Amino acid sequence: VPPENLSNIQIPENASNKNLLQVRRGGLFFKEKYYKCVHSNEHSICLQNLEGGLIVVKTKTFILVGTYRVGMYPSVWEGAVKKLGKRS
């Protein structure tokens, strides 16, 4: 995530870095847009809204954030972001 966008990620108040269950249940805001969690696993969270989606992948060093628009295939984009994460 570029430093200028880190401040744009807003996790609900009742969530913490140690407990992402709340993010999975409550979603999050990115660039003032709300995203609802569609699915998640130990290393990634996939979120969507009416305009597209957001994929967050945790690596050993980075947290990668990828976005996509309506009309794009979420599964393809998710795979691409995860592949980038394996290289980090």
PDB file of N, CA and C in Angstrom:
ATOM      1  N   VAL A   1       0.855  -1.168   0.000  1.00  0.00           N
ATOM      2  CA  VAL A   1       0.000   0.000   0.000  1.00  0.00           C
ATOM      3  C   VAL A   1       0.899   1.229   0.000  1.00  0.00           C
ATOM      4  N   PRO A   2       0.732   2.132  -0.942  1.00  0.00           N
ATOM      5  CA  PRO A   2       1.524   3.350  -0.905  1.00  0.00           C
ATOM      6  C   PRO A   2       1.251   4.114   0.388  1.00  0.00           C
ATOM      7  N   PRO A   3       2.256   4.768   0.953  1.00  0.00           N
ATOM      8  CA  PRO A   3       2.068   5.476   2.226  1.00  0.00           C
ATOM      9  C   PRO A   3       0.894   6.445   2.228  1.00  0.00           C
ATOM     10  N   GLU A   4       0.635   7.098   1.107  1.00  0.00           N
ATOM     11  CA  GLU A   4      -0.467   8.056   1.065  1.00  0.00           C
ATOM     12  C   GLU A   4      -1.828   7.381   1.178  1.00  0.00           C
ATOM     13  N   ASN A   5      -1.909   6.075   0.906  1.00  0.00           N
ATOM     14  CA  ASN A   5      -3.183   5.356   1.014  1.00  0.00           C
ATOM     15  C   ASN A   5      -3.365   4.647   2.342  1.00  0.00           C
ATOM     16  N   LEU A   6      -2.314   4.505   3.135  1.00  0.00           N
ATOM     17  CA  LEU A   6      -2.456   3.829   4.419  1.00  0.00           C
ATOM     18  C   LEU A   6      -3.478   4.519   5.300  1.00  0.00           C
ATOM     19  N   SER A   7      -3.497   5.835   5.263  1.00  0.00           N
ATOM     20  CA  SER A   7      -4.449   6.574   6.090  1.00  0.00           C
ATOM     21  C   SER A   7      -5.875   6.423   5.560  1.00  0.00           C
ATOM     22  N   ASN A   8      -6.041   5.904   4.353  1.00  0.00           N
ATOM     23  CA  ASN A   8      -7.375   5.726   3.782  1.00  0.00           C
ATOM     24  C   ASN A   8      -8.041   4.421   4.197  1.00  0.00           C
ATOM     25  N   ILE A   9      -7.295   3.519   4.835  1.00  0.00           N
ATOM     26  CA  ILE A   9      -7.883   2.272   5.300  1.00  0.00           C
ATOM     27  C   ILE A   9      -8.398   2.498   6.709  1.00  0.00           C
ATOM     28  N   GLN A  10      -9.695   2.334   6.890  1.00  0.00           N
ATOM     29  CA  GLN A  10     -10.306   2.526   8.196  1.00  0.00           C
ATOM     30  C   GLN A  10     -10.977   1.234   8.619  1.00  0.00           C
ATOM     31  N   ILE A  11     -10.511   0.698   9.711  1.00  0.00           N
ATOM     32  CA  ILE A  11     -11.090  -0.517  10.266  1.00  0.00           C
ATOM     33  C   ILE A  11     -12.066  -0.105  11.354  1.00  0.00           C
ATOM     34  N   PRO A  12     -13.225  -0.750  11.451  1.00  0.00           N
ATOM     35  CA  PRO A  12     -14.188  -0.384  12.484  1.00  0.00           C
ATOM     36  C   PRO A  12     -13.553  -0.340  13.869  1.00  0.00           C
ATOM     37  N   GLU A  13     -14.070   0.554  14.723  1.00  0.00           N
ATOM     38  CA  GLU A  13     -13.500   0.775  16.052  1.00  0.00           C
ATOM     39  C   GLU A  13     -13.369  -0.492  16.879  1.00  0.00           C
ATOM     40  N   ASN A  14     -14.312  -1.406  16.750  1.00  0.00           N
ATOM     41  CA  ASN A  14     -14.286  -2.602  17.575  1.00  0.00           C
ATOM     42  C   ASN A  14     -13.358  -3.691  17.046  1.00  0.00           C
ATOM     43  N   ALA A  15     -12.594  -3.389  16.019  1.00  0.00           N
ATOM     44  CA  ALA A  15     -11.646  -4.364  15.467  1.00  0.00           C
ATOM     45  C   ALA A  15     -10.238  -4.030  15.941  1.00  0.00           C
ATOM     46  N   SER A  16      -9.396  -5.039  15.989  1.00  0.00           N
ATOM     47  CA  SER A  16      -8.002  -4.818  16.337  1.00  0.00           C
ATOM     48  C   SER A  16      -7.144  -5.650  15.401  1.00  0.00           C
ATOM     49  N   ASN A  17      -5.858  -5.342  15.363  1.00  0.00           N
ATOM     50  CA  ASN A  17      -4.949  -6.115  14.516  1.00  0.00           C
ATOM     51  C   ASN A  17      -4.894  -7.567  14.952  1.00  0.00           C
ATOM     52  N   LYS A  18      -5.120  -7.826  16.232  1.00  0.00           N
ATOM     53  CA  LYS A  18      -5.056  -9.190  16.735  1.00  0.00           C
ATOM     54  C   LYS A  18      -6.318  -9.974  16.425  1.00  0.00           C
ATOM     55  N   ASN A  19      -7.413  -9.288  16.158  1.00  0.00           N
ATOM     56  CA  ASN A  19      -8.673  -9.979  15.950  1.00  0.00           C
ATOM     57  C   ASN A  19      -9.347  -9.486  14.673  1.00  0.00           C
ATOM     58  N   LEU A  20      -8.995 -10.069  13.544  1.00  0.00           N
ATOM     59  CA  LEU A  20      -9.578  -9.655  12.274  1.00  0.00           C
ATOM     60  C   LEU A  20     -10.975 -10.227  12.056  1.00  0.00           C
ATOM     61  N   LEU A  21     -11.469 -10.988  13.021  1.00  0.00           N
ATOM     62  CA  LEU A  21     -12.827 -11.505  12.929  1.00  0.00           C
ATOM     63  C   LEU A  21     -13.824 -10.358  12.776  1.00  0.00           C
ATOM     64  N   GLN A  22     -13.586  -9.248  13.471  1.00  0.00           N
ATOM     65  CA  GLN A  22     -14.485  -8.098  13.367  1.00  0.00           C
ATOM     66  C   GLN A  22     -14.445  -7.482  11.974  1.00  0.00           C
ATOM     67  N   VAL A  23     -13.274  -7.471  11.349  1.00  0.00           N
ATOM     68  CA  VAL A  23     -13.174  -6.963   9.977  1.00  0.00           C
ATOM     69  C   VAL A  23     -13.945  -7.890   9.052  1.00  0.00           C
ATOM     70  N   ARG A  24     -13.812  -9.187   9.279  1.00  0.00           N
ATOM     71  CA  ARG A  24     -14.548 -10.152   8.449  1.00  0.00           C
ATOM     72  C   ARG A  24     -16.046  -9.966   8.610  1.00  0.00           C
ATOM     73  N   ARG A  25     -16.483  -9.676   9.826  1.00  0.00           N
ATOM     74  CA  ARG A  25     -17.918  -9.493  10.070  1.00  0.00           C
ATOM     75  C   ARG A  25     -18.402  -8.104   9.676  1.00  0.00           C
ATOM     76  N   GLY A  26     -17.604  -7.072   9.976  1.00  0.00           N
ATOM     77  CA  GLY A  26     -18.052  -5.703   9.796  1.00  0.00           C
ATOM     78  C   GLY A  26     -17.535  -4.996   8.571  1.00  0.00           C
ATOM     79  N   GLY A  27     -16.603  -5.626   7.821  1.00  0.00           N
ATOM     80  CA  GLY A  27     -16.038  -4.983   6.652  1.00  0.00           C
ATOM     81  C   GLY A  27     -15.071  -3.884   7.043  1.00  0.00           C
ATOM     82  N   LEU A  28     -14.731  -3.040   6.053  1.00  0.00           N
ATOM     83  CA  LEU A  28     -13.859  -1.899   6.329  1.00  0.00           C
ATOM     84  C   LEU A  28     -14.068  -0.820   5.293  1.00  0.00           C
ATOM     85  N   PHE A  29     -13.525   0.358   5.572  1.00  0.00           N
ATOM     86  CA  PHE A  29     -13.595   1.490   4.659  1.00  0.00           C
ATOM     87  C   PHE A  29     -12.233   1.698   4.026  1.00  0.00           C
ATOM     88  N   PHE A  30     -12.211   1.922   2.716  1.00  0.00           N
ATOM     89  CA  PHE A  30     -10.988   2.227   1.986  1.00  0.00           C
ATOM     90  C   PHE A  30     -11.307   3.381   1.048  1.00  0.00           C
ATOM     91  N   LYS A  31     -10.561   4.467   1.161  1.00  0.00           N
ATOM     92  CA  LYS A  31     -10.806   5.679   0.368  1.00  0.00           C
ATOM     93  C   LYS A  31     -12.266   6.112   0.474  1.00  0.00           C
ATOM     94  N   GLU A  32     -12.750   6.130   1.700  1.00  0.00           N
ATOM     95  CA  GLU A  32     -14.102   6.590   2.029  1.00  0.00           C
ATOM     96  C   GLU A  32     -15.221   5.754   1.407  1.00  0.00           C
ATOM     97  N   LYS A  33     -14.919   4.523   1.029  1.00  0.00           N
ATOM     98  CA  LYS A  33     -15.935   3.608   0.504  1.00  0.00           C
ATOM     99  C   LYS A  33     -15.968   2.369   1.381  1.00  0.00           C
ATOM    100  N   TYR A  34     -17.186   1.904   1.669  1.00  0.00           N
ATOM    101  CA  TYR A  34     -17.359   0.728   2.512  1.00  0.00           C
ATOM    102  C   TYR A  34     -17.267  -0.545   1.681  1.00  0.00           C
ATOM    103  N   TYR A  35     -16.550  -1.537   2.193  1.00  0.00           N
ATOM    104  CA  TYR A  35     -16.416  -2.847   1.557  1.00  0.00           C
ATOM    105  C   TYR A  35     -16.828  -3.924   2.550  1.00  0.00           C
ATOM    106  N   LYS A  36     -17.675  -4.843   2.099  1.00  0.00           N
ATOM    107  CA  LYS A  36     -18.135  -5.960   2.918  1.00  0.00           C
ATOM    108  C   LYS A  36     -17.302  -7.190   2.595  1.00  0.00           C
ATOM    109  N   CYS A  37     -16.913  -7.940   3.610  1.00  0.00           N
ATOM    110  CA  CYS A  37     -16.104  -9.150   3.421  1.00  0.00           C
ATOM    111  C   CYS A  37     -16.916 -10.223   2.704  1.00  0.00           C
ATOM    112  N   VAL A  38     -16.329 -10.775   1.642  1.00  0.00           N
ATOM    113  CA  VAL A  38     -16.959 -11.854   0.889  1.00  0.00           C
ATOM    114  C   VAL A  38     -16.403 -13.197   1.353  1.00  0.00           C
ATOM    115  N   HIS A  39     -15.084 -13.281   1.460  1.00  0.00           N
ATOM    116  CA  HIS A  39     -14.443 -14.459   2.030  1.00  0.00           C
ATOM    117  C   HIS A  39     -13.042 -14.107   2.486  1.00  0.00           C
ATOM    118  N   SER A  40     -12.492 -14.961   3.334  1.00  0.00           N
ATOM    119  CA  SER A  40     -11.157 -14.700   3.866  1.00  0.00           C
ATOM    120  C   SER A  40     -10.500 -16.006   4.272  1.00  0.00           C
ATOM    121  N   ASN A  41      -9.202 -15.931   4.437  1.00  0.00           N
ATOM    122  CA  ASN A  41      -8.454 -17.052   4.979  1.00  0.00           C
ATOM    123  C   ASN A  41      -7.328 -16.481   5.825  1.00  0.00           C
ATOM    124  N   GLU A  42      -6.377 -17.294   6.167  1.00  0.00           N
ATOM    125  CA  GLU A  42      -5.299 -16.878   7.065  1.00  0.00           C
ATOM    126  C   GLU A  42      -4.463 -15.726   6.506  1.00  0.00           C
ATOM    127  N   HIS A  43      -4.333 -15.625   5.185  1.00  0.00           N
ATOM    128  CA  HIS A  43      -3.439 -14.643   4.580  1.00  0.00           C
ATOM    129  C   HIS A  43      -4.118 -13.590   3.712  1.00  0.00           C
ATOM    130  N   SER A  44      -5.426 -13.701   3.497  1.00  0.00           N
ATOM    131  CA  SER A  44      -6.077 -12.720   2.622  1.00  0.00           C
ATOM    132  C   SER A  44      -7.533 -12.496   3.014  1.00  0.00           C
ATOM    133  N   ILE A  45      -8.003 -11.305   2.635  1.00  0.00           N
ATOM    134  CA  ILE A  45      -9.399 -10.946   2.841  1.00  0.00           C
ATOM    135  C   ILE A  45      -9.898 -10.357   1.529  1.00  0.00           C
ATOM    136  N   CYS A  46     -11.039 -10.824   1.058  1.00  0.00           N
ATOM    137  CA  CYS A  46     -11.648 -10.308  -0.168  1.00  0.00           C
ATOM    138  C   CYS A  46     -12.941  -9.594   0.217  1.00  0.00           C
ATOM    139  N   LEU A  47     -13.053  -8.356  -0.219  1.00  0.00           N
ATOM    140  CA  LEU A  47     -14.197  -7.528   0.128  1.00  0.00           C
ATOM    141  C   LEU A  47     -14.813  -6.951  -1.139  1.00  0.00           C
ATOM    142  N   GLN A  48     -16.122  -6.642  -1.084  1.00  0.00           N
ATOM    143  CA  GLN A  48     -16.810  -6.096  -2.262  1.00  0.00           C
ATOM    144  C   GLN A  48     -17.769  -4.992  -1.862  1.00  0.00           C
ATOM    145  N   ASN A  49     -18.067  -4.125  -2.828  1.00  0.00           N
ATOM    146  CA  ASN A  49     -19.178  -3.187  -2.738  1.00  0.00           C
ATOM    147  C   ASN A  49     -19.823  -3.125  -4.117  1.00  0.00           C
ATOM    148  N   LEU A  50     -20.740  -2.208  -4.316  1.00  0.00           N
ATOM    149  CA  LEU A  50     -21.459  -2.158  -5.593  1.00  0.00           C
ATOM    150  C   LEU A  50     -20.579  -1.716  -6.765  1.00  0.00           C
ATOM    151  N   GLU A  51     -19.459  -1.061  -6.483  1.00  0.00           N
ATOM    152  CA  GLU A  51     -18.587  -0.546  -7.530  1.00  0.00           C
ATOM    153  C   GLU A  51     -17.435  -1.470  -7.895  1.00  0.00           C
ATOM    154  N   GLY A  52     -17.190  -2.483  -7.083  1.00  0.00           N
ATOM    155  CA  GLY A  52     -16.072  -3.390  -7.338  1.00  0.00           C
ATOM    156  C   GLY A  52     -15.647  -4.095  -6.074  1.00  0.00           C
ATOM    157  N   GLY A  53     -14.341  -4.241  -5.902  1.00  0.00           N
ATOM    158  CA  GLY A  53     -13.875  -4.975  -4.749  1.00  0.00           C
ATOM    159  C   GLY A  53     -12.469  -4.611  -4.335  1.00  0.00           C
ATOM    160  N   LEU A  54     -12.069  -5.230  -3.244  1.00  0.00           N
ATOM    161  CA  LEU A  54     -10.793  -4.964  -2.615  1.00  0.00           C
ATOM    162  C   LEU A  54     -10.234  -6.302  -2.154  1.00  0.00           C
ATOM    163  N   ILE A  55      -8.978  -6.551  -2.436  1.00  0.00           N
ATOM    164  CA  ILE A  55      -8.303  -7.765  -1.984  1.00  0.00           C
ATOM    165  C   ILE A  55      -7.109  -7.347  -1.142  1.00  0.00           C
ATOM    166  N   VAL A  56      -7.045  -7.839   0.086  1.00  0.00           N
ATOM    167  CA  VAL A  56      -5.946  -7.521   0.990  1.00  0.00           C
ATOM    168  C   VAL A  56      -5.196  -8.819   1.261  1.00  0.00           C
ATOM    169  N   VAL A  57      -3.897  -8.830   0.965  1.00  0.00           N
ATOM    170  CA  VAL A  57      -3.064 -10.024   1.137  1.00  0.00           C
ATOM    171  C   VAL A  57      -1.910  -9.691   2.075  1.00  0.00           C
ATOM    172  N   LYS A  58      -1.747 -10.500   3.096  1.00  0.00           N
ATOM    173  CA  LYS A  58      -0.664 -10.322   4.067  1.00  0.00           C
ATOM    174  C   LYS A  58       0.520 -11.196   3.657  1.00  0.00           C
ATOM    175  N   THR A  59       1.695 -10.581   3.559  1.00  0.00           N
ATOM    176  CA  THR A  59       2.923 -11.327   3.295  1.00  0.00           C
ATOM    177  C   THR A  59       3.813 -11.213   4.531  1.00  0.00           C
ATOM    178  N   LYS A  60       5.001 -11.791   4.472  1.00  0.00           N
ATOM    179  CA  LYS A  60       5.928 -11.680   5.600  1.00  0.00           C
ATOM    180  C   LYS A  60       6.349 -10.240   5.842  1.00  0.00           C
ATOM    181  N   THR A  61       6.417  -9.451   4.771  1.00  0.00           N
ATOM    182  CA  THR A  61       6.932  -8.088   4.859  1.00  0.00           C
ATOM    183  C   THR A  61       5.882  -7.013   4.629  1.00  0.00           C
ATOM    184  N   PHE A  62       4.906  -7.276   3.766  1.00  0.00           N
ATOM    185  CA  PHE A  62       3.969  -6.245   3.326  1.00  0.00           C
ATOM    186  C   PHE A  62       2.516  -6.665   3.508  1.00  0.00           C
ATOM    187  N   ILE A  63       1.658  -5.674   3.421  1.00  0.00           N
ATOM    188  CA  ILE A  63       0.227  -5.902   3.252  1.00  0.00           C
ATOM    189  C   ILE A  63      -0.116  -5.317   1.890  1.00  0.00           C
ATOM    190  N   LEU A  64      -0.483  -6.190   0.951  1.00  0.00           N
ATOM    191  CA  LEU A  64      -0.810  -5.751  -0.412  1.00  0.00           C
ATOM    192  C   LEU A  64      -2.308  -5.499  -0.517  1.00  0.00           C
ATOM    193  N   VAL A  65      -2.671  -4.409  -1.174  1.00  0.00           N
ATOM    194  CA  VAL A  65      -4.069  -4.078  -1.392  1.00  0.00           C
ATOM    195  C   VAL A  65      -4.292  -3.934  -2.888  1.00  0.00           C
ATOM    196  N   GLY A  66      -5.210  -4.721  -3.420  1.00  0.00           N
ATOM    197  CA  GLY A  66      -5.569  -4.636  -4.830  1.00  0.00           C
ATOM    198  C   GLY A  66      -7.044  -4.292  -4.946  1.00  0.00           C
ATOM    199  N   THR A  67      -7.374  -3.476  -5.914  1.00  0.00           N
ATOM    200  CA  THR A  67      -8.775  -3.120  -6.148  1.00  0.00           C
ATOM    201  C   THR A  67      -9.183  -3.548  -7.555  1.00  0.00           C
ATOM    202  N   TYR A  68     -10.472  -3.750  -7.734  1.00  0.00           N
ATOM    203  CA  TYR A  68     -10.993  -4.063  -9.066  1.00  0.00           C
ATOM    204  C   TYR A  68     -12.365  -3.415  -9.210  1.00  0.00           C
ATOM    205  N   ARG A  69     -12.798  -3.242 -10.436  1.00  0.00           N
ATOM    206  CA  ARG A  69     -14.081  -2.612 -10.741  1.00  0.00           C
ATOM    207  C   ARG A  69     -15.105  -3.647 -11.170  1.00  0.00           C
ATOM    208  N   VAL A  70     -16.356  -3.221 -11.180  1.00  0.00           N
ATOM    209  CA  VAL A  70     -17.431  -4.067 -11.692  1.00  0.00           C
ATOM    210  C   VAL A  70     -17.090  -4.426 -13.129  1.00  0.00           C
ATOM    211  N   GLY A  71     -17.323  -5.665 -13.505  1.00  0.00           N
ATOM    212  CA  GLY A  71     -17.014  -6.128 -14.855  1.00  0.00           C
ATOM    213  C   GLY A  71     -15.715  -6.911 -14.917  1.00  0.00           C
ATOM    214  N   MET A  72     -14.873  -6.741 -13.893  1.00  0.00           N
ATOM    215  CA  MET A  72     -13.641  -7.518 -13.834  1.00  0.00           C
ATOM    216  C   MET A  72     -13.946  -8.808 -13.063  1.00  0.00           C
ATOM    217  N   TYR A  73     -13.146  -9.826 -13.275  1.00  0.00           N
ATOM    218  CA  TYR A  73     -13.358 -11.095 -12.592  1.00  0.00           C
ATOM    219  C   TYR A  73     -12.625 -11.093 -11.255  1.00  0.00           C
ATOM    220  N   PRO A  74     -13.363 -11.079 -10.131  1.00  0.00           N
ATOM    221  CA  PRO A  74     -12.723 -11.034  -8.819  1.00  0.00           C
ATOM    222  C   PRO A  74     -11.742 -12.178  -8.580  1.00  0.00           C
ATOM    223  N   SER A  75     -12.072 -13.371  -9.019  1.00  0.00           N
ATOM    224  CA  SER A  75     -11.197 -14.520  -8.765  1.00  0.00           C
ATOM    225  C   SER A  75      -9.862 -14.389  -9.493  1.00  0.00           C
ATOM    226  N   VAL A  76      -9.881 -13.816 -10.693  1.00  0.00           N
ATOM    227  CA  VAL A  76      -8.642 -13.609 -11.446  1.00  0.00           C
ATOM    228  C   VAL A  76      -7.784 -12.557 -10.751  1.00  0.00           C
ATOM    229  N   TRP A  77      -8.423 -11.474 -10.329  1.00  0.00           N
ATOM    230  CA  TRP A  77      -7.694 -10.399  -9.657  1.00  0.00           C
ATOM    231  C   TRP A  77      -7.137 -10.876  -8.318  1.00  0.00           C
ATOM    232  N   GLU A  78      -7.928 -11.641  -7.591  1.00  0.00           N
ATOM    233  CA  GLU A  78      -7.461 -12.192  -6.311  1.00  0.00           C
ATOM    234  C   GLU A  78      -6.228 -13.060  -6.528  1.00  0.00           C
ATOM    235  N   GLY A  79      -6.257 -13.911  -7.543  1.00  0.00           N
ATOM    236  CA  GLY A  79      -5.110 -14.763  -7.851  1.00  0.00           C
ATOM    237  C   GLY A  79      -3.871 -13.957  -8.196  1.00  0.00           C
ATOM    238  N   ALA A  80      -4.055 -12.861  -8.931  1.00  0.00           N
ATOM    239  CA  ALA A  80      -2.920 -12.016  -9.308  1.00  0.00           C
ATOM    240  C   ALA A  80      -2.302 -11.347  -8.088  1.00  0.00           C
ATOM    241  N   VAL A  81      -3.129 -10.832  -7.187  1.00  0.00           N
ATOM    242  CA  VAL A  81      -2.603 -10.176  -5.985  1.00  0.00           C
ATOM    243  C   VAL A  81      -1.904 -11.196  -5.092  1.00  0.00           C
ATOM    244  N   LYS A  82      -2.483 -12.383  -4.953  1.00  0.00           N
ATOM    245  CA  LYS A  82      -1.838 -13.424  -4.145  1.00  0.00           C
ATOM    246  C   LYS A  82      -0.502 -13.839  -4.748  1.00  0.00           C
ATOM    247  N   LYS A  83      -0.438 -13.910  -6.068  1.00  0.00           N
ATOM    248  CA  LYS A  83       0.811 -14.276  -6.747  1.00  0.00           C
ATOM    249  C   LYS A  83       1.873 -13.208  -6.468  1.00  0.00           C
ATOM    250  N   LEU A  84       1.505 -11.951  -6.520  1.00  0.00           N
ATOM    251  CA  LEU A  84       2.427 -10.868  -6.181  1.00  0.00           C
ATOM    252  C   LEU A  84       2.913 -11.006  -4.733  1.00  0.00           C
ATOM    253  N   GLY A  85       1.999 -11.413  -3.862  1.00  0.00           N
ATOM    254  CA  GLY A  85       2.344 -11.601  -2.463  1.00  0.00           C
ATOM    255  C   GLY A  85       3.385 -12.679  -2.238  1.00  0.00           C
ATOM    256  N   LYS A  86       3.348 -13.719  -3.049  1.00  0.00           N
ATOM    257  CA  LYS A  86       4.333 -14.796  -2.921  1.00  0.00           C
ATOM    258  C   LYS A  86       5.710 -14.339  -3.330  1.00  0.00           C
ATOM    259  N   ARG A  87       5.784 -13.320  -4.177  1.00  0.00           N
ATOM    260  CA  ARG A  87       7.077 -12.800  -4.628  1.00  0.00           C
ATOM    261  C   ARG A  87       7.696 -11.856  -3.612  1.00  0.00           C
ATOM    262  N   SER A  88       6.851 -11.307  -2.704  1.00  0.00           N
ATOM    263  CA  SER A  88       7.348 -10.325  -1.732  1.00  0.00           C
ATOM    264  C   SER A  88       8.090 -10.972  -0.588  1.00  0.00           C
TER     265      SER A  88
END
